[in-house]
PDB file of N, CA and C in Angstrom:
ATOM      1  N   MET A   1      97.488 -27.397 138.320  1.00  0.00           N
ATOM      2  CA  MET A   1      97.153 -26.976 136.985  1.00  0.00           C
ATOM      3  C   MET A   1      96.233 -25.756 136.997  1.00  0.00           C
ATOM      4  N   HIS A   2      95.271 -25.721 137.936  1.00  0.00           N
ATOM      5  CA  HIS A   2      94.357 -24.603 137.998  1.00  0.00           C
ATOM      6  C   HIS A   2      95.083 -23.307 138.343  1.00  0.00           C
ATOM      7  N   LEU A   3      96.078 -23.383 139.195  1.00  0.00           N
ATOM      8  CA  LEU A   3      96.838 -22.199 139.562  1.00  0.00           C
ATOM      9  C   LEU A   3      97.534 -21.608 138.345  1.00  0.00           C
ATOM     10  N   ILE A   4      98.077 -22.450 137.506  1.00  0.00           N
ATOM     11  CA  ILE A   4      98.748 -21.979 136.291  1.00  0.00           C
ATOM     12  C   ILE A   4      97.751 -21.276 135.375  1.00  0.00           C
ATOM     13  N   VAL A   5      96.559 -21.832 135.236  1.00  0.00           N
ATOM     14  CA  VAL A   5      95.524 -21.213 134.403  1.00  0.00           C
ATOM     15  C   VAL A   5      95.123 -19.865 134.990  1.00  0.00           C
ATOM     16  N   TRP A   6      94.953 -19.775 136.305  1.00  0.00           N
ATOM     17  CA  TRP A   6      94.626 -18.501 136.949  1.00  0.00           C
ATOM     18  C   TRP A   6      95.714 -17.467 136.686  1.00  0.00           C
ATOM     19  N   LEU A   7      96.967 -17.880 136.776  1.00  0.00           N
ATOM     20  CA  LEU A   7      98.075 -16.960 136.543  1.00  0.00           C
ATOM     21  C   LEU A   7      98.098 -16.479 135.093  1.00  0.00           C
ATOM     22  N   ILE A   8      97.825 -17.376 134.158  1.00  0.00           N
ATOM     23  CA  ILE A   8      97.801 -17.001 132.743  1.00  0.00           C
ATOM     24  C   ILE A   8      96.658 -16.035 132.467  1.00  0.00           C
ATOM     25  N   ILE A   9      95.474 -16.339 132.997  1.00  0.00           N
ATOM     26  CA  ILE A   9      94.329 -15.444 132.816  1.00  0.00           C
ATOM     27  C   ILE A   9      94.616 -14.091 133.458  1.00  0.00           C
ATOM     28  N   GLY A  10      95.189 -14.091 134.646  1.00  0.00           N
ATOM     29  CA  GLY A  10      95.541 -12.839 135.318  1.00  0.00           C
ATOM     30  C   GLY A  10      96.537 -12.021 134.525  1.00  0.00           C
ATOM     31  N   LEU A  11      97.540 -12.671 133.954  1.00  0.00           N
ATOM     32  CA  LEU A  11      98.544 -11.969 133.163  1.00  0.00           C
ATOM     33  C   LEU A  11      97.918 -11.351 131.918  1.00  0.00           C
ATOM     34  N   ILE A  12      97.108 -12.115 131.215  1.00  0.00           N
ATOM     35  CA  ILE A  12      96.466 -11.609 129.999  1.00  0.00           C
ATOM     36  C   ILE A  12      95.517 -10.462 130.336  1.00  0.00           C
ATOM     37  N   ALA A  13      94.665 -10.668 131.331  1.00  0.00           N
ATOM     38  CA  ALA A  13      93.682  -9.640 131.699  1.00  0.00           C
ATOM     39  C   ALA A  13      94.368  -8.378 132.205  1.00  0.00           C
ATOM     40  N   GLY A  14      95.375  -8.524 133.032  1.00  0.00           N
ATOM     41  CA  GLY A  14      96.086  -7.356 133.549  1.00  0.00           C
ATOM     42  C   GLY A  14      96.797  -6.577 132.462  1.00  0.00           C
ATOM     43  N   ALA A  15      97.421  -7.292 131.537  1.00  0.00           N
ATOM     44  CA  ALA A  15      98.132  -6.621 130.445  1.00  0.00           C
ATOM     45  C   ALA A  15      97.163  -5.887 129.524  1.00  0.00           C
ATOM     46  N   VAL A  16      96.042  -6.521 129.194  1.00  0.00           N
ATOM     47  CA  VAL A  16      95.051  -5.874 128.331  1.00  0.00           C
ATOM     48  C   VAL A  16      94.432  -4.674 129.038  1.00  0.00           C
ATOM     49  N   ALA A  17      94.109  -4.821 130.311  1.00  0.00           N
ATOM     50  CA  ALA A  17      93.504  -3.718 131.067  1.00  0.00           C
ATOM     51  C   ALA A  17      94.460  -2.538 131.171  1.00  0.00           C
ATOM     52  N   ARG A  18      95.744  -2.805 131.355  1.00  0.00           N
ATOM     53  CA  ARG A  18      96.703  -1.704 131.435  1.00  0.00           C
ATOM     54  C   ARG A  18      96.892  -1.036 130.083  1.00  0.00           C
ATOM     55  N   THR A  19      96.584  -1.747 129.007  1.00  0.00           N
ATOM     56  CA  THR A  19      96.615  -1.134 127.686  1.00  0.00           C
ATOM     57  C   THR A  19      95.393  -0.239 127.495  1.00  0.00           C
ATOM     58  N   ILE A  20      94.248  -0.675 128.003  1.00  0.00           N
ATOM     59  CA  ILE A  20      93.008   0.097 127.879  1.00  0.00           C
ATOM     60  C   ILE A  20      93.050   1.330 128.774  1.00  0.00           C
ATOM     61  N   VAL A  21      93.550   1.182 129.993  1.00  0.00           N
ATOM     62  CA  VAL A  21      93.642   2.288 130.959  1.00  0.00           C
ATOM     63  C   VAL A  21      95.129   2.504 131.246  1.00  0.00           C
ATOM     64  N   PRO A  22      95.821   3.235 130.389  1.00  0.00           N
ATOM     65  CA  PRO A  22      97.278   3.358 130.526  1.00  0.00           C
ATOM     66  C   PRO A  22      97.715   4.276 131.664  1.00  0.00           C
ATOM     67  N   SER A  23      98.943   4.098 132.053  1.00  0.00           N
ATOM     68  CA  SER A  23      99.683   4.928 133.016  1.00  0.00           C
ATOM     69  C   SER A  23      98.970   5.120 134.351  1.00  0.00           C
ATOM     70  N   THR A  24      98.355   4.065 134.859  1.00  0.00           N
ATOM     71  CA  THR A  24      97.747   4.177 136.180  1.00  0.00           C
ATOM     72  C   THR A  24      98.584   3.475 137.235  1.00  0.00           C
ATOM     73  N   VAL A  25      99.153   2.338 136.895  1.00  0.00           N
ATOM     74  CA  VAL A  25      99.925   1.550 137.842  1.00  0.00           C
ATOM     75  C   VAL A  25     101.208   1.113 137.151  1.00  0.00           C
ATOM     76  N   GLY A  26     102.330   1.316 137.793  1.00  0.00           N
ATOM     77  CA  GLY A  26     103.592   0.871 137.238  1.00  0.00           C
ATOM     78  C   GLY A  26     103.818  -0.597 137.540  1.00  0.00           C
ATOM     79  N   GLY A  27     104.886  -1.150 137.022  1.00  0.00           N
ATOM     80  CA  GLY A  27     105.217  -2.532 137.312  1.00  0.00           C
ATOM     81  C   GLY A  27     105.334  -3.360 136.054  1.00  0.00           C
ATOM     82  N   GLY A  28     105.577  -4.625 136.252  1.00  0.00           N
ATOM     83  CA  GLY A  28     105.769  -5.535 135.146  1.00  0.00           C
ATOM     84  C   GLY A  28     104.736  -6.635 135.126  1.00  0.00           C
ATOM     85  N   TRP A  29     105.185  -7.801 134.736  1.00  0.00           N
ATOM     86  CA  TRP A  29     104.263  -8.933 134.552  1.00  0.00           C
ATOM     87  C   TRP A  29     103.641  -9.378 135.865  1.00  0.00           C
ATOM     88  N   LEU A  30     104.364  -9.268 136.967  1.00  0.00           N
ATOM     89  CA  LEU A  30     103.799  -9.655 138.266  1.00  0.00           C
ATOM     90  C   LEU A  30     102.648  -8.721 138.657  1.00  0.00           C
ATOM     91  N   THR A  31     102.815  -7.452 138.398  1.00  0.00           N
ATOM     92  CA  THR A  31     101.739  -6.491 138.644  1.00  0.00           C
ATOM     93  C   THR A  31     100.538  -6.795 137.764  1.00  0.00           C
ATOM     94  N   ASP A  32     100.800  -7.158 136.493  1.00  0.00           N
ATOM     95  CA  ASP A  32      99.710  -7.521 135.585  1.00  0.00           C
ATOM     96  C   ASP A  32      98.921  -8.718 136.114  1.00  0.00           C
ATOM     97  N   ILE A  33      99.625  -9.700 136.637  1.00  0.00           N
ATOM     98  CA  ILE A  33      98.957 -10.891 137.192  1.00  0.00           C
ATOM     99  C   ILE A  33      98.077 -10.503 138.378  1.00  0.00           C
ATOM    100  N   ILE A  34      98.609  -9.695 139.270  1.00  0.00           N
ATOM    101  CA  ILE A  34      97.846  -9.287 140.451  1.00  0.00           C
ATOM    102  C   ILE A  34      96.626  -8.465 140.045  1.00  0.00           C
ATOM    103  N   ILE A  35      96.812  -7.520 139.132  1.00  0.00           N
ATOM    104  CA  ILE A  35      95.688  -6.714 138.649  1.00  0.00           C
ATOM    105  C   ILE A  35      94.643  -7.614 138.000  1.00  0.00           C
ATOM    106  N   GLY A  36      95.083  -8.555 137.189  1.00  0.00           N
ATOM    107  CA  GLY A  36      94.158  -9.462 136.515  1.00  0.00           C
ATOM    108  C   GLY A  36      93.408 -10.366 137.468  1.00  0.00           C
ATOM    109  N   MET A  37      94.077 -10.865 138.506  1.00  0.00           N
ATOM    110  CA  MET A  37      93.411 -11.753 139.452  1.00  0.00           C
ATOM    111  C   MET A  37      92.410 -10.986 140.326  1.00  0.00           C
ATOM    112  N   ILE A  38      92.770  -9.795 140.765  1.00  0.00           N
ATOM    113  CA  ILE A  38      91.811  -8.975 141.510  1.00  0.00           C
ATOM    114  C   ILE A  38      90.673  -8.567 140.583  1.00  0.00           C
ATOM    115  N   GLY A  39      91.022  -8.271 139.337  1.00  0.00           N
ATOM    116  CA  GLY A  39      90.008  -7.930 138.348  1.00  0.00           C
ATOM    117  C   GLY A  39      89.040  -9.070 138.089  1.00  0.00           C
ATOM    118  N   ALA A  40      89.516 -10.298 138.181  1.00  0.00           N
ATOM    119  CA  ALA A  40      88.638 -11.454 137.991  1.00  0.00           C
ATOM    120  C   ALA A  40      87.566 -11.498 139.078  1.00  0.00           C
ATOM    121  N   VAL A  41      87.949 -11.180 140.292  1.00  0.00           N
ATOM    122  CA  VAL A  41      86.980 -11.162 141.392  1.00  0.00           C
ATOM    123  C   VAL A  41      85.972 -10.034 141.179  1.00  0.00           C
ATOM    124  N   ILE A  42      86.469  -8.850 140.863  1.00  0.00           N
ATOM    125  CA  ILE A  42      85.584  -7.704 140.629  1.00  0.00           C
ATOM    126  C   ILE A  42      84.687  -7.977 139.424  1.00  0.00           C
ATOM    127  N   GLY A  43      85.270  -8.477 138.341  1.00  0.00           N
ATOM    128  CA  GLY A  43      84.500  -8.773 137.135  1.00  0.00           C
ATOM    129  C   GLY A  43      83.435  -9.827 137.373  1.00  0.00           C
ATOM    130  N   GLY A  44      83.764 -10.858 138.132  1.00  0.00           N
ATOM    131  CA  GLY A  44      82.779 -11.881 138.461  1.00  0.00           C
ATOM    132  C   GLY A  44      81.613 -11.323 139.235  1.00  0.00           C
ATOM    133  N   TRP A  45      81.901 -10.413 140.146  1.00  0.00           N
ATOM    134  CA  TRP A  45      80.849  -9.783 140.937  1.00  0.00           C
ATOM    135  C   TRP A  45      79.967  -8.902 140.054  1.00  0.00           C
ATOM    136  N   VAL A  46      80.594  -8.095 139.187  1.00  0.00           N
ATOM    137  CA  VAL A  46      79.845  -7.186 138.317  1.00  0.00           C
ATOM    138  C   VAL A  46      78.993  -7.964 137.322  1.00  0.00           C
ATOM    139  N   VAL A  47      79.542  -9.005 136.742  1.00  0.00           N
ATOM    140  CA  VAL A  47      78.812  -9.789 135.738  1.00  0.00           C
ATOM    141  C   VAL A  47      77.597 -10.468 136.361  1.00  0.00           C
ATOM    142  N   THR A  48      77.733 -10.966 137.584  1.00  0.00           N
ATOM    143  CA  THR A  48      76.585 -11.595 138.233  1.00  0.00           C
ATOM    144  C   THR A  48      75.519 -10.573 138.604  1.00  0.00           C
ATOM    145  N   LEU A  49      75.920  -9.321 138.851  1.00  0.00           N
ATOM    146  CA  LEU A  49      74.929  -8.267 139.104  1.00  0.00           C
ATOM    147  C   LEU A  49      74.019  -8.062 137.895  1.00  0.00           C
ATOM    148  N   PHE A  50      74.556  -8.262 136.701  1.00  0.00           N
ATOM    149  CA  PHE A  50      73.785  -8.105 135.473  1.00  0.00           C
ATOM    150  C   PHE A  50      73.109  -9.399 135.039  1.00  0.00           C
ATOM    151  N   GLY A  51      73.220 -10.442 135.842  1.00  0.00           N
ATOM    152  CA  GLY A  51      72.504 -11.684 135.577  1.00  0.00           C
ATOM    153  C   GLY A  51      73.224 -12.674 134.686  1.00  0.00           C
ATOM    154  N   ALA A  52      74.442 -12.405 134.300  1.00  0.00           N
ATOM    155  CA  ALA A  52      75.196 -13.337 133.466  1.00  0.00           C
ATOM    156  C   ALA A  52      75.985 -14.296 134.355  1.00  0.00           C
ATOM    157  N   ALA A  53      76.398 -15.393 133.774  1.00  0.00           N
ATOM    158  CA  ALA A  53      77.193 -16.371 134.515  1.00  0.00           C
ATOM    159  C   ALA A  53      78.616 -15.854 134.672  1.00  0.00           C
ATOM    160  N   ALA A  54      79.137 -15.945 135.890  1.00  0.00           N
ATOM    161  CA  ALA A  54      80.500 -15.495 136.150  1.00  0.00           C
ATOM    162  C   ALA A  54      81.520 -16.526 135.712  1.00  0.00           C
ATOM    163  N   SER A  55      81.101 -17.759 135.574  1.00  0.00           N
ATOM    164  CA  SER A  55      82.041 -18.800 135.159  1.00  0.00           C
ATOM    165  C   SER A  55      81.671 -19.289 133.770  1.00  0.00           C
ATOM    166  N   GLY A  56      82.650 -19.748 133.071  1.00  0.00           N
ATOM    167  CA  GLY A  56      82.449 -20.233 131.715  1.00  0.00           C
ATOM    168  C   GLY A  56      83.748 -20.807 131.204  1.00  0.00           C
ATOM    169  N   GLY A  57      83.973 -20.665 129.946  1.00  0.00           N
ATOM    170  CA  GLY A  57      85.198 -21.169 129.345  1.00  0.00           C
ATOM    171  C   GLY A  57      86.373 -20.237 129.566  1.00  0.00           C
ATOM    172  N   PHE A  58      87.479 -20.589 128.973  1.00  0.00           N
ATOM    173  CA  PHE A  58      88.721 -19.844 129.122  1.00  0.00           C
ATOM    174  C   PHE A  58      88.566 -18.417 128.604  1.00  0.00           C
ATOM    175  N   VAL A  59      87.976 -18.264 127.434  1.00  0.00           N
ATOM    176  CA  VAL A  59      87.831 -16.939 126.836  1.00  0.00           C
ATOM    177  C   VAL A  59      86.886 -16.076 127.671  1.00  0.00           C
ATOM    178  N   TRP A  60      85.772 -16.644 128.137  1.00  0.00           N
ATOM    179  CA  TRP A  60      84.835 -15.894 128.968  1.00  0.00           C
ATOM    180  C   TRP A  60      85.511 -15.448 130.265  1.00  0.00           C
ATOM    181  N   SER A  61      86.330 -16.302 130.838  1.00  0.00           N
ATOM    182  CA  SER A  61      87.057 -15.941 132.055  1.00  0.00           C
ATOM    183  C   SER A  61      87.986 -14.760 131.810  1.00  0.00           C
ATOM    184  N   ILE A  62      88.634 -14.743 130.662  1.00  0.00           N
ATOM    185  CA  ILE A  62      89.516 -13.626 130.330  1.00  0.00           C
ATOM    186  C   ILE A  62      88.710 -12.343 130.153  1.00  0.00           C
ATOM    187  N   VAL A  63      87.564 -12.434 129.460  1.00  0.00           N
ATOM    188  CA  VAL A  63      86.721 -11.253 129.244  1.00  0.00           C
ATOM    189  C   VAL A  63      86.240 -10.687 130.579  1.00  0.00           C
ATOM    190  N   VAL A  64      85.753 -11.547 131.451  1.00  0.00           N
ATOM    191  CA  VAL A  64      85.274 -11.104 132.766  1.00  0.00           C
ATOM    192  C   VAL A  64      86.421 -10.496 133.569  1.00  0.00           C
ATOM    193  N   SER A  65      87.581 -11.097 133.504  1.00  0.00           N
ATOM    194  CA  SER A  65      88.745 -10.570 134.230  1.00  0.00           C
ATOM    195  C   SER A  65      89.172  -9.220 133.686  1.00  0.00           C
ATOM    196  N   ILE A  66      89.117  -9.054 132.378  1.00  0.00           N
ATOM    197  CA  ILE A  66      89.478  -7.764 131.779  1.00  0.00           C
ATOM    198  C   ILE A  66      88.500  -6.686 132.226  1.00  0.00           C
ATOM    199  N   ILE A  67      87.215  -7.001 132.217  1.00  0.00           N
ATOM    200  CA  ILE A  67      86.201  -6.039 132.669  1.00  0.00           C
ATOM    201  C   ILE A  67      86.506  -5.606 134.105  1.00  0.00           C
ATOM    202  N   GLY A  68      86.755  -6.565 134.978  1.00  0.00           N
ATOM    203  CA  GLY A  68      87.052  -6.247 136.374  1.00  0.00           C
ATOM    204  C   GLY A  68      88.354  -5.491 136.541  1.00  0.00           C
ATOM    205  N   ALA A  69      89.369  -5.859 135.768  1.00  0.00           N
ATOM    206  CA  ALA A  69      90.662  -5.183 135.878  1.00  0.00           C
ATOM    207  C   ALA A  69      90.573  -3.741 135.396  1.00  0.00           C
ATOM    208  N   VAL A  70      89.795  -3.498 134.345  1.00  0.00           N
ATOM    209  CA  VAL A  70      89.605  -2.127 133.873  1.00  0.00           C
ATOM    210  C   VAL A  70      88.888  -1.308 134.943  1.00  0.00           C
ATOM    211  N   ILE A  71      87.865  -1.874 135.557  1.00  0.00           N
ATOM    212  CA  ILE A  71      87.167  -1.187 136.651  1.00  0.00           C
ATOM    213  C   ILE A  71      88.146  -0.876 137.783  1.00  0.00           C
ATOM    214  N   LEU A  72      88.972  -1.845 138.143  1.00  0.00           N
ATOM    215  CA  LEU A  72      89.965  -1.645 139.200  1.00  0.00           C
ATOM    216  C   LEU A  72      90.917  -0.507 138.854  1.00  0.00           C
ATOM    217  N   LEU A  73      91.420  -0.486 137.630  1.00  0.00           N
ATOM    218  CA  LEU A  73      92.358   0.567 137.244  1.00  0.00           C
ATOM    219  C   LEU A  73      91.682   1.938 137.181  1.00  0.00           C
ATOM    220  N   TRP A  74      90.421   1.985 136.786  1.00  0.00           N
ATOM    221  CA  TRP A  74      89.694   3.260 136.814  1.00  0.00           C
ATOM    222  C   TRP A  74      89.551   3.770 138.243  1.00  0.00           C
ATOM    223  N   ILE A  75      89.264   2.868 139.165  1.00  0.00           N
ATOM    224  CA  ILE A  75      89.149   3.246 140.573  1.00  0.00           C
ATOM    225  C   ILE A  75      90.488   3.761 141.096  1.00  0.00           C
ATOM    226  N   VAL A  76      91.574   3.066 140.766  1.00  0.00           N
ATOM    227  CA  VAL A  76      92.911   3.500 141.191  1.00  0.00           C
ATOM    228  C   VAL A  76      93.220   4.873 140.614  1.00  0.00           C
ATOM    229  N   ARG A  77      92.853   5.098 139.356  1.00  0.00           N
ATOM    230  CA  ARG A  77      93.093   6.385 138.722  1.00  0.00           C
ATOM    231  C   ARG A  77      92.312   7.504 139.423  1.00  0.00           C
ATOM    232  N   LEU A  78      91.057   7.223 139.779  1.00  0.00           N
ATOM    233  CA  LEU A  78      90.251   8.223 140.487  1.00  0.00           C
ATOM    234  C   LEU A  78      90.829   8.546 141.859  1.00  0.00           C
ATOM    235  N   ILE A  79      91.290   7.521 142.565  1.00  0.00           N
ATOM    236  CA  ILE A  79      91.862   7.724 143.895  1.00  0.00           C
ATOM    237  C   ILE A  79      93.147   8.553 143.803  1.00  0.00           C
ATOM    238  N   ARG A  80      93.963   8.255 142.815  1.00  0.00           N
ATOM    239  CA  ARG A  80      95.220   8.997 142.669  1.00  0.00           C
ATOM    240  C   ARG A  80      94.984  10.445 142.274  1.00  0.00           C
ATOM    241  N   ARG A  81      93.929  10.727 141.525  1.00  0.00           N
ATOM    242  CA  ARG A  81      93.632  12.118 141.137  1.00  0.00           C
ATOM    243  C   ARG A  81      93.176  12.937 142.328  1.00  0.00           C
ATOM    244  N   THR A  82      92.405  12.313 143.217  1.00  0.00           N
ATOM    245  CA  THR A  82      91.882  13.052 144.361  1.00  0.00           C
ATOM    246  C   THR A  82      92.887  13.167 145.494  1.00  0.00           C
ATOM    247  N   ALA A  83      93.885  12.313 145.515  1.00  0.00           N
ATOM    248  CA  ALA A  83      94.861  12.325 146.610  1.00  0.00           C
ATOM    249  C   ALA A  83      95.950  13.340 146.386  1.00  0.00           C
TER     250      ALA A  83
END
């Protein structure tokens, strides 16, 4: 059950992040899930740096994942511009 929740959060976070930072990474729903799940790790790390709890309810998990996914896509965009 937890895996399904992680996949749903990853899909939502990845899709929202790709809407906020468009045209950085191609792909479909599987790419959105991967971006969202990596973003969850990055977001959890960033949120704890600011002293907030990295874990919480479903909505908080999505918010943290979106923050991390947006950071990830910005980094990818910067790398692609310099390469």
